[in-house]
Amino acid sequence: MSDDEVTRVQALRLAGRHEEHRAAACALVAATPADVAAQLEAAYGLDRAGEEQRAIVHYEAARRLGVPASERRPFTVGLGSTLRNVGRHADAIAVFAEAVAQDPDYPPFAAFLALALDAAGRSHEALAALLGCTLAVARPDAFDGYERALTGYQREMVRR
């Protein structure tokens, strides 16, 4: 597969031409199943189209092939969110918990972890994750001096 083909398919996704992207990505992955970029585009296209079960096949293939560092964040959010959407809550939690541990400065991981925890019925942990995320991204004066107290409460919630 040429870089031009991948670039063309990615351009369709980035332009919001979702149906064209899905079709082109599926054709691309059929022609080159061992290409991680093709697997990623198929996963993203199917996921966007609401075909989550089919998307998971491509997310998992991409993971086996080795997701490039430049795609790690969108890949992780896509995979974890899709797992949550199909009811694989424990798998989604594992994906996001690992992501938070490896990249704690990326707030979407903590926010999606909170959603996965909530979907699994672990609302207390979800609230702790979301509060931690909120505190991490807030401007310095956002909590009117209560940052220390809120951080302490959040840490207590995590320990429970």
Protein backbone atom coordinates (compact mmCIF):
# COMPACT_ATOMS: atom_id res chain seq x y z
CA MET A 1 0.00 0.00 0.00
CA SER A 2 1.29 3.42 -0.79
CA ASP A 3 1.41 6.33 1.57
CA ASP A 4 -0.74 8.19 -0.95
CA GLU A 5 -3.59 5.71 -0.47
CA VAL A 6 -3.48 6.05 3.31
CA THR A 7 -3.26 9.83 3.04
CA ARG A 8 -6.30 9.89 0.74
CA VAL A 9 -8.35 7.77 3.15
CA GLN A 10 -7.26 9.85 6.14
CA ALA A 11 -8.18 13.03 4.25
CA LEU A 12 -11.72 11.73 3.78
CA ARG A 13 -12.03 11.18 7.54
CA LEU A 14 -10.57 14.56 8.41
CA ALA A 15 -12.89 16.26 5.90
CA GLY A 16 -15.92 14.72 7.60
CA ARG A 17 -16.81 12.62 4.58
CA HIS A 18 -17.64 9.71 6.85
CA GLU A 19 -19.48 7.35 4.53
CA GLU A 20 -16.83 7.69 1.84
CA HIS A 21 -14.14 7.26 4.47
CA ARG A 22 -15.70 4.08 5.86
CA ALA A 23 -16.00 2.50 2.43
CA ALA A 24 -12.47 3.50 1.38
CA ALA A 25 -10.99 2.36 4.70
CA CYS A 26 -12.68 -1.04 4.48
CA ALA A 27 -11.40 -1.48 0.92
CA LEU A 28 -7.93 -0.43 2.03
CA VAL A 29 -7.81 -2.89 4.92
CA ALA A 30 -9.13 -5.70 2.70
CA ALA A 31 -6.25 -5.06 0.31
CA THR A 32 -3.59 -4.67 3.01
CA PRO A 33 -4.68 -6.37 6.25
CA ALA A 34 -1.16 -6.37 7.69
CA ASP A 35 -0.89 -2.58 7.55
CA VAL A 36 -1.53 -0.85 10.86
CA ALA A 37 -2.64 2.42 9.19
CA ALA A 38 -5.27 0.55 7.19
CA GLN A 39 -6.51 -1.22 10.33
CA LEU A 40 -6.73 2.10 12.17
CA GLU A 41 -8.68 3.78 9.39
CA ALA A 42 -11.10 0.83 9.21
CA ALA A 43 -11.55 0.93 12.99
CA TYR A 44 -12.21 4.68 13.00
CA GLY A 45 -14.58 4.49 10.03
CA LEU A 46 -16.63 1.59 11.37
CA ASP A 47 -16.70 3.09 14.86
CA ARG A 48 -18.00 6.39 13.51
CA ALA A 49 -20.68 4.52 11.54
CA GLY A 50 -21.92 2.80 14.70
CA GLU A 51 -20.54 -0.59 13.72
CA GLU A 52 -18.67 -1.01 16.99
CA GLN A 53 -18.34 -4.81 16.96
CA ARG A 54 -16.70 -4.70 13.54
CA ALA A 55 -14.54 -1.76 14.63
CA ILE A 56 -13.19 -3.71 17.60
CA VAL A 57 -11.79 -6.36 15.24
CA HIS A 58 -9.73 -3.65 13.54
CA TYR A 59 -8.72 -1.91 16.78
CA GLU A 60 -7.42 -5.23 18.09
CA ALA A 61 -5.60 -5.97 14.82
CA ALA A 62 -3.97 -2.53 14.95
CA ARG A 63 -2.88 -3.15 18.53
CA ARG A 64 -1.29 -6.48 17.53
CA LEU A 65 0.50 -4.80 14.61
CA GLY A 66 1.81 -1.96 16.81
CA VAL A 67 0.04 1.39 16.93
CA PRO A 68 2.44 4.25 16.14
CA ALA A 69 3.09 6.71 18.96
CA SER A 70 1.45 9.50 16.94
CA GLU A 71 -1.85 7.56 16.94
CA ARG A 72 -1.72 6.22 20.50
CA ARG A 73 -4.05 8.77 22.06
CA PRO A 74 -6.89 8.69 19.48
CA PHE A 75 -6.50 4.91 19.19
CA THR A 76 -6.80 4.44 22.95
CA VAL A 77 -9.85 6.69 23.26
CA GLY A 78 -11.49 4.98 20.30
CA LEU A 79 -10.82 1.45 21.50
CA GLY A 80 -11.73 2.06 25.13
CA SER A 81 -14.87 4.02 24.32
CA THR A 82 -16.01 1.39 21.84
CA LEU A 83 -15.45 -1.38 24.38
CA ARG A 84 -17.60 0.58 26.85
CA ASN A 85 -20.30 1.11 24.23
CA VAL A 86 -20.62 -2.63 23.56
CA GLY A 87 -20.78 -3.48 27.26
CA ARG A 88 -17.21 -4.68 27.73
CA HIS A 89 -16.80 -2.44 30.76
CA ALA A 90 -13.95 -4.31 32.44
CA ASP A 91 -11.94 -4.22 29.21
CA ALA A 92 -12.65 -0.50 28.78
CA ILE A 93 -11.59 0.21 32.35
CA ALA A 94 -8.36 -1.74 31.82
CA VAL A 95 -7.58 0.20 28.62
CA PHE A 96 -8.16 3.59 30.24
CA ALA A 97 -6.52 2.74 33.58
CA GLU A 98 -3.36 1.69 31.74
CA ALA A 99 -3.53 4.83 29.59
CA VAL A 100 -3.88 7.09 32.65
CA ALA A 101 -0.93 5.35 34.30
CA GLN A 102 1.24 5.79 31.18
CA ASP A 103 0.07 9.28 30.23
CA PRO A 104 -1.40 11.01 33.30
CA ASP A 105 -1.19 14.46 31.73
CA TYR A 106 -3.76 13.67 29.01
CA PRO A 107 -7.18 14.53 30.56
CA PRO A 108 -9.36 12.66 28.04
CA PHE A 109 -8.03 9.36 29.40
CA ALA A 110 -9.22 10.17 32.92
CA ALA A 111 -12.56 11.46 31.64
CA PHE A 112 -13.21 8.32 29.59
CA LEU A 113 -12.05 6.16 32.50
CA ALA A 114 -14.73 7.86 34.60
CA LEU A 115 -17.36 7.01 31.97
CA ALA A 116 -16.23 3.38 31.86
CA LEU A 117 -16.27 3.11 35.66
CA ASP A 118 -19.76 4.58 35.76
CA ALA A 119 -20.99 2.20 33.06
CA ALA A 120 -19.65 -0.67 35.18
CA GLY A 121 -21.68 0.56 38.17
CA ARG A 122 -18.63 1.90 39.99
CA SER A 123 -19.94 5.43 40.39
CA HIS A 124 -17.81 6.25 43.44
CA GLU A 125 -14.62 5.51 41.51
CA ALA A 126 -16.01 7.32 38.49
CA LEU A 127 -16.60 10.45 40.54
CA ALA A 128 -13.07 10.29 41.94
CA ALA A 129 -11.61 9.94 38.42
CA LEU A 130 -13.69 12.81 37.09
CA LEU A 131 -12.86 15.07 40.03
CA GLY A 132 -9.17 14.33 39.51
CA CYS A 133 -9.51 15.16 35.84
CA THR A 134 -11.34 18.38 36.60
CA LEU A 135 -8.73 19.50 39.10
CA ALA A 136 -5.94 18.70 36.64
CA VAL A 137 -7.32 20.89 33.84
CA ALA A 138 -8.78 23.77 35.84
CA ARG A 139 -7.15 27.17 35.66
CA PRO A 140 -5.22 28.01 38.84
CA ASP A 141 -7.96 30.12 40.45
CA ALA A 142 -10.94 28.08 39.23
CA PHE A 143 -11.84 26.67 42.63
CA ASP A 144 -11.45 29.90 44.58
CA GLY A 145 -8.77 28.52 46.88
CA TYR A 146 -10.48 25.20 47.55
CA GLU A 147 -8.11 23.24 45.31
CA ARG A 148 -6.17 21.77 48.25
CA ALA A 149 -9.33 20.60 49.99
CA LEU A 150 -10.83 19.15 46.82
CA THR A 151 -7.56 17.39 46.00
CA GLY A 152 -7.57 15.86 49.47
CA TYR A 153 -11.16 14.67 49.10
CA GLN A 154 -10.36 13.23 45.70
CA ARG A 155 -7.40 11.30 47.11
CA GLU A 156 -9.58 9.94 49.92
CA MET A 157 -12.13 8.77 47.36
CA VAL A 158 -9.44 6.95 45.39
CA ARG A 159 -8.21 5.15 48.52
CA ARG A 160 -11.68 3.81 49.42
